[in-house]
Amino acid sequence: MNMSQFLFDLSALWISTGAVAVAEIGDKTQLLALLLAARFQKPWPIVFGIVLATVLNHALAAWLGQWLSAWLTPEILRWVVAASFIAIALWTLKPDTLEEDTKLPARGAFIATTIAFFLAEIGDKTQVATVLLGAKYDTLWQVVTGTTLGMLLANVPVVLLGSHFAQRLPLKAARFTAALLFLGLGLWVALRGVSS
């Protein structure tokens, strides 16, 4: 196997990483990362909490996507996935907020982050995207690894650099880029189907 074939075989990993990294910018979990960093001022336990919460949440989401893909005919799955990606594209254009009175667990930084991130990801656009990516690709490990890497790419700089960095993020441009990415994925699935 040559290098280009190897990299192509990892396409689910690259697409999952890119989709979630871009979609996560300005997302409520990124705002949560900022709040946790400000509250605990211990970046590494927060980063490890994000990793654990994301792996657990996205593994369940990707598995659900694969399970659904086994129950739906390829044609129905194709249009459900395509429409869902396009819906996420529209959803991405709406800025997320985190209420100021959001209560954070009083436990240590690692436990608080793991619990808060796992719960915040339930029903979030990155979790929905993970379900869809799990339905599209057979390589579950690539989807979960990719979505976790995407979460880390978007959240670790916020945790490490705090509010100074977060205020400089071009959120509008990031939301527009993420919307275009999900729109492109939706159109790609509509034209090519869900087989990887």
N, C-alpha and C. Protein backbone atom coordinates (compact mmCIF):
# COMPACT_ATOMS: atom_id res chain seq x y z
N MET A 1 0.85 -1.17 0.00
CA MET A 1 0.00 0.00 0.00
C MET A 1 0.90 1.24 0.00
N ASN A 2 0.67 2.13 -0.95
CA ASN A 2 1.48 3.35 -1.01
C ASN A 2 0.90 4.41 -0.08
N MET A 3 1.65 5.49 0.09
CA MET A 3 1.26 6.54 1.05
C MET A 3 -0.05 7.21 0.67
N SER A 4 -0.28 7.49 -0.61
CA SER A 4 -1.53 8.16 -1.00
C SER A 4 -2.74 7.26 -0.75
N GLN A 5 -2.59 5.96 -0.96
CA GLN A 5 -3.69 5.03 -0.67
C GLN A 5 -3.95 4.96 0.83
N PHE A 6 -2.87 4.97 1.61
CA PHE A 6 -3.01 4.95 3.06
C PHE A 6 -3.76 6.19 3.55
N LEU A 7 -3.37 7.37 3.04
CA LEU A 7 -4.04 8.61 3.44
C LEU A 7 -5.50 8.64 2.99
N PHE A 8 -5.78 8.09 1.79
CA PHE A 8 -7.16 8.02 1.32
C PHE A 8 -7.98 7.10 2.21
N ASP A 9 -7.37 6.00 2.66
CA ASP A 9 -8.07 5.07 3.53
C ASP A 9 -8.44 5.71 4.88
N LEU A 10 -7.79 6.81 5.21
CA LEU A 10 -8.09 7.53 6.44
C LEU A 10 -9.05 8.70 6.21
N SER A 11 -9.77 8.68 5.11
CA SER A 11 -10.64 9.82 4.77
C SER A 11 -11.71 10.07 5.84
N ALA A 12 -12.24 9.04 6.45
CA ALA A 12 -13.24 9.24 7.51
C ALA A 12 -12.62 10.00 8.68
N LEU A 13 -11.37 9.71 8.99
CA LEU A 13 -10.67 10.41 10.07
C LEU A 13 -10.50 11.89 9.73
N TRP A 14 -10.04 12.19 8.52
CA TRP A 14 -9.79 13.59 8.13
C TRP A 14 -11.09 14.39 8.05
N ILE A 15 -12.10 13.79 7.45
CA ILE A 15 -13.38 14.51 7.32
C ILE A 15 -14.02 14.73 8.68
N SER A 16 -13.97 13.73 9.56
CA SER A 16 -14.53 13.87 10.91
C SER A 16 -13.79 14.93 11.70
N THR A 17 -12.48 14.95 11.59
CA THR A 17 -11.68 15.95 12.31
C THR A 17 -12.03 17.35 11.84
N GLY A 18 -12.01 17.55 10.53
CA GLY A 18 -12.28 18.88 9.98
C GLY A 18 -13.69 19.36 10.27
N ALA A 19 -14.65 18.47 10.10
CA ALA A 19 -16.05 18.87 10.30
C ALA A 19 -16.29 19.33 11.74
N VAL A 20 -15.81 18.58 12.70
CA VAL A 20 -16.06 18.93 14.10
C VAL A 20 -15.19 20.11 14.55
N ALA A 21 -13.95 20.18 14.10
CA ALA A 21 -13.09 21.30 14.49
C ALA A 21 -13.69 22.64 14.06
N VAL A 22 -14.18 22.69 12.85
CA VAL A 22 -14.74 23.94 12.35
C VAL A 22 -16.10 24.22 12.99
N ALA A 23 -16.93 23.19 13.13
CA ALA A 23 -18.26 23.37 13.72
C ALA A 23 -18.19 23.76 15.19
N GLU A 24 -17.14 23.37 15.86
CA GLU A 24 -17.02 23.61 17.30
C GLU A 24 -16.67 25.06 17.62
N ILE A 25 -16.12 25.79 16.68
CA ILE A 25 -15.73 27.18 16.96
C ILE A 25 -16.98 28.02 17.24
N GLY A 26 -17.02 28.60 18.40
CA GLY A 26 -18.17 29.39 18.82
C GLY A 26 -19.31 28.56 19.37
N ASP A 27 -19.14 27.25 19.46
CA ASP A 27 -20.17 26.35 19.97
C ASP A 27 -20.27 26.49 21.50
N LYS A 28 -21.39 26.03 22.04
CA LYS A 28 -21.58 26.18 23.49
C LYS A 28 -20.54 25.40 24.29
N THR A 29 -20.05 24.28 23.75
CA THR A 29 -19.02 23.54 24.49
C THR A 29 -17.70 24.30 24.49
N GLN A 30 -17.45 25.09 23.45
CA GLN A 30 -16.24 25.92 23.47
C GLN A 30 -16.39 27.03 24.51
N LEU A 31 -17.58 27.59 24.61
CA LEU A 31 -17.84 28.58 25.66
C LEU A 31 -17.72 27.94 27.04
N LEU A 32 -18.16 26.69 27.16
CA LEU A 32 -18.03 25.95 28.40
C LEU A 32 -16.56 25.75 28.75
N ALA A 33 -15.74 25.42 27.76
CA ALA A 33 -14.30 25.26 27.99
C ALA A 33 -13.70 26.55 28.53
N LEU A 34 -14.13 27.67 28.01
CA LEU A 34 -13.66 28.97 28.47
C LEU A 34 -14.06 29.22 29.92
N LEU A 35 -15.31 28.89 30.27
CA LEU A 35 -15.77 29.05 31.65
C LEU A 35 -15.00 28.15 32.62
N LEU A 36 -14.78 26.90 32.20
CA LEU A 36 -14.04 25.97 33.05
C LEU A 36 -12.60 26.43 33.24
N ALA A 37 -11.98 26.93 32.17
CA ALA A 37 -10.60 27.42 32.27
C ALA A 37 -10.52 28.61 33.22
N ALA A 38 -11.50 29.50 33.15
CA ALA A 38 -11.50 30.67 34.03
C ALA A 38 -11.77 30.27 35.48
N ARG A 39 -12.63 29.29 35.67
CA ARG A 39 -12.99 28.90 37.03
C ARG A 39 -11.89 28.11 37.73
N PHE A 40 -11.34 27.11 37.04
CA PHE A 40 -10.39 26.21 37.70
C PHE A 40 -8.94 26.60 37.49
N GLN A 41 -8.63 27.26 36.41
CA GLN A 41 -7.26 27.67 36.09
C GLN A 41 -6.28 26.51 36.18
N LYS A 42 -6.74 25.33 35.73
CA LYS A 42 -5.92 24.12 35.66
C LYS A 42 -6.16 23.52 34.28
N PRO A 43 -5.38 23.92 33.28
CA PRO A 43 -5.71 23.53 31.91
C PRO A 43 -5.65 22.04 31.62
N TRP A 44 -4.67 21.32 32.14
CA TRP A 44 -4.52 19.92 31.73
C TRP A 44 -5.63 19.01 32.24
N PRO A 45 -6.09 19.13 33.48
CA PRO A 45 -7.25 18.32 33.88
C PRO A 45 -8.49 18.64 33.03
N ILE A 46 -8.63 19.89 32.61
CA ILE A 46 -9.76 20.26 31.75
C ILE A 46 -9.62 19.61 30.39
N VAL A 47 -8.43 19.64 29.82
CA VAL A 47 -8.19 19.01 28.51
C VAL A 47 -8.47 17.51 28.59
N PHE A 48 -7.98 16.84 29.65
CA PHE A 48 -8.22 15.40 29.79
C PHE A 48 -9.71 15.10 29.99
N GLY A 49 -10.41 15.98 30.69
CA GLY A 49 -11.86 15.82 30.85
C GLY A 49 -12.58 15.96 29.52
N ILE A 50 -12.14 16.90 28.69
CA ILE A 50 -12.73 17.06 27.35
C ILE A 50 -12.50 15.80 26.53
N VAL A 51 -11.30 15.23 26.59
CA VAL A 51 -10.99 14.01 25.84
C VAL A 51 -11.91 12.88 26.27
N LEU A 52 -11.99 12.62 27.57
CA LEU A 52 -12.81 11.50 28.06
C LEU A 52 -14.28 11.70 27.71
N ALA A 53 -14.81 12.89 27.96
CA ALA A 53 -16.23 13.15 27.67
C ALA A 53 -16.51 13.01 26.18
N THR A 54 -15.63 13.51 25.35
CA THR A 54 -15.85 13.45 23.90
C THR A 54 -15.76 12.02 23.39
N VAL A 55 -14.77 11.27 23.84
CA VAL A 55 -14.65 9.87 23.40
C VAL A 55 -15.90 9.09 23.78
N LEU A 56 -16.35 9.23 25.01
CA LEU A 56 -17.55 8.50 25.45
C LEU A 56 -18.79 8.93 24.67
N ASN A 57 -19.01 10.23 24.59
CA ASN A 57 -20.20 10.75 23.92
C ASN A 57 -20.18 10.44 22.43
N HIS A 58 -19.06 10.67 21.78
CA HIS A 58 -19.01 10.47 20.33
C HIS A 58 -18.93 9.00 19.94
N ALA A 59 -18.39 8.15 20.81
CA ALA A 59 -18.42 6.71 20.53
C ALA A 59 -19.87 6.23 20.52
N LEU A 60 -20.66 6.67 21.48
CA LEU A 60 -22.08 6.30 21.51
C LEU A 60 -22.80 6.87 20.29
N ALA A 61 -22.49 8.11 19.93
CA ALA A 61 -23.15 8.75 18.78
C ALA A 61 -22.79 8.05 17.47
N ALA A 62 -21.51 7.73 17.28
CA ALA A 62 -21.08 7.06 16.05
C ALA A 62 -21.67 5.64 15.97
N TRP A 63 -21.71 4.96 17.12
CA TRP A 63 -22.32 3.64 17.14
C TRP A 63 -23.80 3.73 16.77
N LEU A 64 -24.50 4.74 17.30
CA LEU A 64 -25.90 4.94 16.96
C LEU A 64 -26.05 5.16 15.45
N GLY A 65 -25.17 5.95 14.87
CA GLY A 65 -25.20 6.17 13.42
C GLY A 65 -25.03 4.88 12.64
N GLN A 66 -24.08 4.04 13.07
CA GLN A 66 -23.89 2.77 12.38
C GLN A 66 -25.09 1.85 12.57
N TRP A 67 -25.66 1.84 13.75
CA TRP A 67 -26.84 1.02 14.02
C TRP A 67 -28.00 1.46 13.14
N LEU A 68 -28.21 2.79 13.04
CA LEU A 68 -29.28 3.29 12.18
C LEU A 68 -29.05 2.93 10.72
N SER A 69 -27.80 2.99 10.30
CA SER A 69 -27.50 2.68 8.90
C SER A 69 -27.80 1.22 8.56
N ALA A 70 -27.75 0.35 9.56
CA ALA A 70 -28.07 -1.06 9.33
C ALA A 70 -29.57 -1.27 9.19
N TRP A 71 -30.38 -0.37 9.75
CA TRP A 71 -31.83 -0.53 9.73
C TRP A 71 -32.51 0.19 8.57
N LEU A 72 -31.84 1.17 8.01
CA LEU A 72 -32.44 1.93 6.92
C LEU A 72 -31.90 1.45 5.59
N THR A 73 -32.73 1.49 4.57
CA THR A 73 -32.24 1.14 3.24
C THR A 73 -31.22 2.19 2.81
N PRO A 74 -30.28 1.82 1.95
CA PRO A 74 -29.27 2.79 1.52
C PRO A 74 -29.87 4.06 0.92
N GLU A 75 -30.96 3.93 0.20
CA GLU A 75 -31.57 5.11 -0.43
C GLU A 75 -32.19 6.05 0.62
N ILE A 76 -32.90 5.48 1.58
CA ILE A 76 -33.48 6.31 2.64
C ILE A 76 -32.38 6.93 3.48
N LEU A 77 -31.37 6.12 3.85
CA LEU A 77 -30.25 6.62 4.63
C LEU A 77 -29.54 7.76 3.91
N ARG A 78 -29.38 7.62 2.61
CA ARG A 78 -28.72 8.66 1.80
C ARG A 78 -29.42 10.01 1.98
N TRP A 79 -30.74 10.02 1.86
CA TRP A 79 -31.48 11.28 1.94
C TRP A 79 -31.61 11.80 3.36
N VAL A 80 -31.69 10.89 4.34
CA VAL A 80 -31.71 11.32 5.74
C VAL A 80 -30.39 11.98 6.11
N VAL A 81 -29.28 11.35 5.74
CA VAL A 81 -27.96 11.90 6.05
C VAL A 81 -27.74 13.21 5.30
N ALA A 82 -28.07 13.26 4.02
CA ALA A 82 -27.89 14.49 3.24
C ALA A 82 -28.71 15.64 3.82
N ALA A 83 -29.98 15.38 4.11
CA ALA A 83 -30.84 16.43 4.69
C ALA A 83 -30.33 16.87 6.06
N SER A 84 -29.85 15.92 6.85
CA SER A 84 -29.35 16.25 8.18
C SER A 84 -28.09 17.11 8.12
N PHE A 85 -27.17 16.78 7.21
CA PHE A 85 -25.97 17.61 7.06
C PHE A 85 -26.35 19.04 6.63
N ILE A 86 -27.31 19.15 5.75
CA ILE A 86 -27.75 20.48 5.30
C ILE A 86 -28.43 21.22 6.46
N ALA A 87 -29.20 20.50 7.28
CA ALA A 87 -29.81 21.13 8.45
C ALA A 87 -28.74 21.60 9.44
N ILE A 88 -27.69 20.80 9.62
CA ILE A 88 -26.59 21.22 10.50
C ILE A 88 -25.90 22.45 9.93
N ALA A 89 -25.79 22.53 8.59
CA ALA A 89 -25.21 23.72 7.97
C ALA A 89 -25.99 24.97 8.37
N LEU A 90 -27.31 24.88 8.34
CA LEU A 90 -28.14 26.03 8.74
C LEU A 90 -28.03 26.30 10.24
N TRP A 91 -28.01 25.24 11.04
CA TRP A 91 -27.91 25.33 12.49
C TRP A 91 -26.60 26.01 12.88
N THR A 92 -25.54 25.72 12.13
CA THR A 92 -24.22 26.27 12.42
C THR A 92 -24.19 27.78 12.29
N LEU A 93 -25.03 28.33 11.44
CA LEU A 93 -25.05 29.78 11.24
C LEU A 93 -25.60 30.54 12.46
N LYS A 94 -26.34 29.82 13.32
CA LYS A 94 -26.90 30.45 14.52
C LYS A 94 -25.88 30.36 15.65
N PRO A 95 -25.48 31.51 16.22
CA PRO A 95 -24.49 31.48 17.30
C PRO A 95 -25.05 30.79 18.54
N ASP A 96 -24.20 30.00 19.19
CA ASP A 96 -24.57 29.37 20.45
C ASP A 96 -24.30 30.33 21.60
N THR A 97 -25.05 30.16 22.67
CA THR A 97 -24.81 30.93 23.88
C THR A 97 -24.82 29.97 25.06
N LEU A 98 -24.20 30.39 26.10
CA LEU A 98 -24.23 29.64 27.35
C LEU A 98 -24.75 30.60 28.39
N GLU A 99 -25.84 30.24 29.03
CA GLU A 99 -26.47 31.13 29.99
C GLU A 99 -25.49 31.49 31.10
N GLU A 100 -25.56 32.74 31.54
CA GLU A 100 -24.64 33.20 32.57
C GLU A 100 -24.85 32.49 33.90
N ASP A 101 -26.07 32.01 34.15
CA ASP A 101 -26.33 31.35 35.41
C ASP A 101 -26.09 29.84 35.34
N THR A 102 -25.38 29.38 34.30
CA THR A 102 -25.06 27.97 34.17
C THR A 102 -24.24 27.52 35.37
N LYS A 103 -24.72 26.48 36.03
CA LYS A 103 -24.03 25.95 37.19
C LYS A 103 -23.00 24.92 36.74
N LEU A 104 -21.78 25.06 37.22
CA LEU A 104 -20.73 24.09 36.96
C LEU A 104 -20.57 23.22 38.19
N PRO A 105 -20.30 21.93 37.99
CA PRO A 105 -20.10 21.07 39.15
C PRO A 105 -18.97 21.61 40.04
N ALA A 106 -19.11 21.42 41.34
CA ALA A 106 -18.12 21.95 42.29
C ALA A 106 -16.94 21.00 42.48
N ARG A 107 -16.93 19.88 41.80
CA ARG A 107 -15.85 18.91 41.94
C ARG A 107 -14.57 19.44 41.31
N GLY A 108 -13.55 18.62 41.29
CA GLY A 108 -12.29 19.00 40.68
C GLY A 108 -12.45 19.27 39.19
N ALA A 109 -11.44 19.88 38.62
CA ALA A 109 -11.49 20.30 37.22
C ALA A 109 -11.75 19.13 36.27
N PHE A 110 -11.08 17.99 36.49
CA PHE A 110 -11.24 16.85 35.58
C PHE A 110 -12.67 16.31 35.61
N ILE A 111 -13.19 16.06 36.81
CA ILE A 111 -14.54 15.49 36.94
C ILE A 111 -15.58 16.48 36.46
N ALA A 112 -15.42 17.75 36.85
CA ALA A 112 -16.38 18.78 36.43
C ALA A 112 -16.41 18.89 34.91
N THR A 113 -15.25 18.88 34.29
CA THR A 113 -15.18 18.99 32.83
C THR A 113 -15.80 17.77 32.16
N THR A 114 -15.45 16.59 32.64
CA THR A 114 -15.98 15.36 32.03
C THR A 114 -17.51 15.35 32.08
N ILE A 115 -18.07 15.64 33.24
CA ILE A 115 -19.53 15.64 33.39
C ILE A 115 -20.17 16.74 32.55
N ALA A 116 -19.64 17.95 32.67
CA ALA A 116 -20.24 19.10 31.97
C ALA A 116 -20.15 18.93 30.46
N PHE A 117 -19.00 18.48 29.96
CA PHE A 117 -18.84 18.32 28.51
C PHE A 117 -19.72 17.20 27.98
N PHE A 118 -19.78 16.08 28.70
CA PHE A 118 -20.61 14.97 28.24
C PHE A 118 -22.05 15.42 28.12
N LEU A 119 -22.55 16.11 29.14
CA LEU A 119 -23.95 16.56 29.13
C LEU A 119 -24.18 17.66 28.08
N ALA A 120 -23.23 18.58 27.94
CA ALA A 120 -23.39 19.67 26.96
C ALA A 120 -23.39 19.15 25.53
N GLU A 121 -22.73 18.03 25.29
CA GLU A 121 -22.67 17.48 23.93
C GLU A 121 -23.95 16.75 23.53
N ILE A 122 -24.79 16.40 24.49
CA ILE A 122 -26.02 15.68 24.17
C ILE A 122 -26.93 16.58 23.35
N GLY A 123 -27.21 16.16 22.14
CA GLY A 123 -28.07 16.92 21.23
C GLY A 123 -27.38 18.08 20.55
N ASP A 124 -26.09 18.26 20.81
CA ASP A 124 -25.34 19.35 20.19
C ASP A 124 -25.06 19.03 18.72
N LYS A 125 -24.80 20.06 17.93
CA LYS A 125 -24.59 19.83 16.49
C LYS A 125 -23.39 18.93 16.21
N THR A 126 -22.35 18.98 17.07
CA THR A 126 -21.21 18.10 16.83
C THR A 126 -21.56 16.64 17.15
N GLN A 127 -22.47 16.42 18.10
CA GLN A 127 -22.91 15.06 18.37
C GLN A 127 -23.78 14.54 17.22
N VAL A 128 -24.66 15.39 16.74
CA VAL A 128 -25.51 15.00 15.60
C VAL A 128 -24.63 14.71 14.38
N ALA A 129 -23.62 15.54 14.17
CA ALA A 129 -22.69 15.31 13.05
C ALA A 129 -21.97 13.97 13.23
N THR A 130 -21.63 13.62 14.46
CA THR A 130 -20.96 12.35 14.72
C THR A 130 -21.89 11.17 14.41
N VAL A 131 -23.16 11.29 14.75
CA VAL A 131 -24.14 10.25 14.39
C VAL A 131 -24.15 10.08 12.86
N LEU A 132 -24.19 11.20 12.15
CA LEU A 132 -24.24 11.14 10.69
C LEU A 132 -22.96 10.58 10.10
N LEU A 133 -21.82 10.97 10.65
CA LEU A 133 -20.55 10.44 10.16
C LEU A 133 -20.45 8.94 10.46
N GLY A 134 -20.97 8.52 11.61
CA GLY A 134 -21.01 7.09 11.93
C GLY A 134 -21.89 6.31 10.98
N ALA A 135 -22.97 6.95 10.50
CA ALA A 135 -23.86 6.30 9.53
C ALA A 135 -23.19 6.21 8.15
N LYS A 136 -22.38 7.20 7.83
CA LYS A 136 -21.76 7.26 6.51
C LYS A 136 -20.55 6.34 6.39
N TYR A 137 -19.73 6.26 7.42
CA TYR A 137 -18.46 5.53 7.34
C TYR A 137 -18.49 4.25 8.16
N ASP A 138 -17.91 3.19 7.62
CA ASP A 138 -17.83 1.91 8.32
C ASP A 138 -16.74 1.89 9.39
N THR A 139 -15.77 2.77 9.27
CA THR A 139 -14.63 2.77 10.19
C THR A 139 -14.94 3.63 11.41
N LEU A 140 -15.59 3.00 12.36
CA LEU A 140 -16.03 3.69 13.57
C LEU A 140 -14.87 4.34 14.31
N TRP A 141 -13.74 3.66 14.40
CA TRP A 141 -12.61 4.21 15.14
C TRP A 141 -12.12 5.51 14.50
N GLN A 142 -12.18 5.61 13.17
CA GLN A 142 -11.75 6.84 12.50
C GLN A 142 -12.71 7.99 12.80
N VAL A 143 -13.99 7.70 12.83
CA VAL A 143 -14.98 8.73 13.12
C VAL A 143 -14.80 9.25 14.54
N VAL A 144 -14.71 8.36 15.51
CA VAL A 144 -14.58 8.77 16.91
C VAL A 144 -13.24 9.48 17.14
N THR A 145 -12.17 8.94 16.59
CA THR A 145 -10.87 9.59 16.72
C THR A 145 -10.89 10.96 16.06
N GLY A 146 -11.47 11.04 14.87
CA GLY A 146 -11.52 12.31 14.15
C GLY A 146 -12.36 13.36 14.86
N THR A 147 -13.54 12.96 15.35
CA THR A 147 -14.39 13.95 16.03
C THR A 147 -13.75 14.39 17.35
N THR A 148 -13.06 13.47 18.01
CA THR A 148 -12.36 13.84 19.25
C THR A 148 -11.22 14.80 18.95
N LEU A 149 -10.44 14.51 17.91
CA LEU A 149 -9.36 15.43 17.50
C LEU A 149 -9.92 16.80 17.13
N GLY A 150 -11.06 16.81 16.44
CA GLY A 150 -11.69 18.07 16.08
C GLY A 150 -12.09 18.88 17.31
N MET A 151 -12.65 18.20 18.30
CA MET A 151 -13.01 18.88 19.55
C MET A 151 -11.77 19.46 20.23
N LEU A 152 -10.68 18.69 20.21
CA LEU A 152 -9.46 19.16 20.85
C LEU A 152 -8.84 20.34 20.10
N LEU A 153 -8.85 20.27 18.77
CA LEU A 153 -8.31 21.38 17.97
C LEU A 153 -9.03 22.69 18.27
N ALA A 154 -10.33 22.60 18.49
CA ALA A 154 -11.11 23.81 18.75
C ALA A 154 -11.06 24.25 20.21
N ASN A 155 -10.95 23.31 21.14
CA ASN A 155 -11.08 23.65 22.55
C ASN A 155 -9.78 23.81 23.32
N VAL A 156 -8.74 23.07 22.96
CA VAL A 156 -7.49 23.16 23.72
C VAL A 156 -6.90 24.57 23.68
N PRO A 157 -6.85 25.25 22.53
CA PRO A 157 -6.34 26.63 22.56
C PRO A 157 -7.14 27.54 23.49
N VAL A 158 -8.44 27.35 23.53
CA VAL A 158 -9.29 28.17 24.41
C VAL A 158 -8.94 27.88 25.87
N VAL A 159 -8.76 26.61 26.20
CA VAL A 159 -8.43 26.25 27.58
C VAL A 159 -7.05 26.80 27.95
N LEU A 160 -6.08 26.64 27.06
CA LEU A 160 -4.71 27.04 27.38
C LEU A 160 -4.52 28.56 27.38
N LEU A 161 -5.19 29.24 26.49
CA LEU A 161 -4.97 30.68 26.36
C LEU A 161 -6.09 31.52 26.96
N GLY A 162 -7.20 30.88 27.32
CA GLY A 162 -8.28 31.55 28.02
C GLY A 162 -8.97 32.62 27.22
N SER A 163 -9.55 33.56 27.92
CA SER A 163 -10.42 34.55 27.30
C SER A 163 -9.67 35.46 26.33
N HIS A 164 -8.38 35.67 26.54
CA HIS A 164 -7.62 36.53 25.62
C HIS A 164 -7.70 35.99 24.19
N PHE A 165 -7.53 34.67 24.05
CA PHE A 165 -7.59 34.04 22.72
C PHE A 165 -9.02 33.98 22.20
N ALA A 166 -9.96 33.64 23.07
CA ALA A 166 -11.35 33.45 22.64
C ALA A 166 -11.93 34.72 22.05
N GLN A 167 -11.55 35.86 22.57
CA GLN A 167 -12.07 37.12 22.05
C GLN A 167 -11.54 37.43 20.67
N ARG A 168 -10.47 36.81 20.26
CA ARG A 168 -9.87 37.06 18.95
C ARG A 168 -10.35 36.09 17.87
N LEU A 169 -11.12 35.10 18.25
CA LEU A 169 -11.61 34.13 17.26
C LEU A 169 -12.57 34.81 16.29
N PRO A 170 -12.39 34.59 15.00
CA PRO A 170 -13.33 35.14 14.02
C PRO A 170 -14.58 34.26 13.95
N LEU A 171 -15.47 34.41 14.93
CA LEU A 171 -16.60 33.49 15.08
C LEU A 171 -17.53 33.50 13.88
N LYS A 172 -17.80 34.67 13.33
CA LYS A 172 -18.71 34.75 12.19
C LYS A 172 -18.13 33.99 10.99
N ALA A 173 -16.86 34.20 10.71
CA ALA A 173 -16.20 33.50 9.60
C ALA A 173 -16.15 32.00 9.86
N ALA A 174 -15.90 31.61 11.11
CA ALA A 174 -15.85 30.19 11.45
C ALA A 174 -17.21 29.53 11.27
N ARG A 175 -18.28 30.21 11.71
CA ARG A 175 -19.63 29.65 11.53
C ARG A 175 -19.96 29.51 10.05
N PHE A 176 -19.60 30.51 9.25
CA PHE A 176 -19.87 30.46 7.82
C PHE A 176 -19.08 29.33 7.16
N THR A 177 -17.82 29.16 7.55
CA THR A 177 -16.99 28.08 7.01
C THR A 177 -17.57 26.72 7.39
N ALA A 178 -17.98 26.57 8.65
CA ALA A 178 -18.57 25.31 9.11
C ALA A 178 -19.87 25.03 8.35
N ALA A 179 -20.68 26.06 8.14
CA ALA A 179 -21.93 25.88 7.39
C ALA A 179 -21.64 25.42 5.97
N LEU A 180 -20.64 26.01 5.33
CA LEU A 180 -20.26 25.58 3.98
C LEU A 180 -19.76 24.14 3.97
N LEU A 181 -18.98 23.78 4.99
CA LEU A 181 -18.46 22.41 5.08
C LEU A 181 -19.61 21.41 5.20
N PHE A 182 -20.56 21.67 6.10
CA PHE A 182 -21.68 20.75 6.27
C PHE A 182 -22.60 20.75 5.05
N LEU A 183 -22.78 21.89 4.41
CA LEU A 183 -23.55 21.94 3.17
C LEU A 183 -22.87 21.09 2.11
N GLY A 184 -21.55 21.22 2.00
CA GLY A 184 -20.80 20.41 1.04
C GLY A 184 -20.93 18.93 1.32
N LEU A 185 -20.85 18.54 2.61
CA LEU A 185 -21.02 17.13 2.98
C LEU A 185 -22.42 16.65 2.61
N GLY A 186 -23.43 17.48 2.87
CA GLY A 186 -24.81 17.11 2.53
C GLY A 186 -24.99 16.91 1.04
N LEU A 187 -24.45 17.82 0.25
CA LEU A 187 -24.56 17.69 -1.21
C LEU A 187 -23.77 16.49 -1.71
N TRP A 188 -22.60 16.25 -1.11
CA TRP A 188 -21.79 15.11 -1.51
C TRP A 188 -22.53 13.80 -1.25
N VAL A 189 -23.15 13.68 -0.08
CA VAL A 189 -23.91 12.47 0.24
C VAL A 189 -25.12 12.35 -0.69
N ALA A 190 -25.78 13.47 -0.98
CA ALA A 190 -26.95 13.44 -1.88
C ALA A 190 -26.54 12.94 -3.27
N LEU A 191 -25.38 13.34 -3.73
CA LEU A 191 -24.93 12.94 -5.06
C LEU A 191 -24.30 11.54 -5.10
N ARG A 192 -23.57 11.18 -4.06
CA ARG A 192 -22.80 9.93 -4.09
C ARG A 192 -23.35 8.82 -3.22
N GLY A 193 -24.28 9.14 -2.32
CA GLY A 193 -24.80 8.12 -1.42
C GLY A 193 -23.96 8.01 -0.17
N VAL A 194 -24.26 7.03 0.67
CA VAL A 194 -23.58 6.90 1.95
C VAL A 194 -22.47 5.87 1.95
N SER A 195 -22.28 5.15 0.89
CA SER A 195 -21.19 4.17 0.90
C SER A 195 -19.87 4.91 0.88
N SER A 196 -18.93 4.47 1.73
CA SER A 196 -17.67 5.19 1.86
C SER A 196 -16.67 4.78 0.82
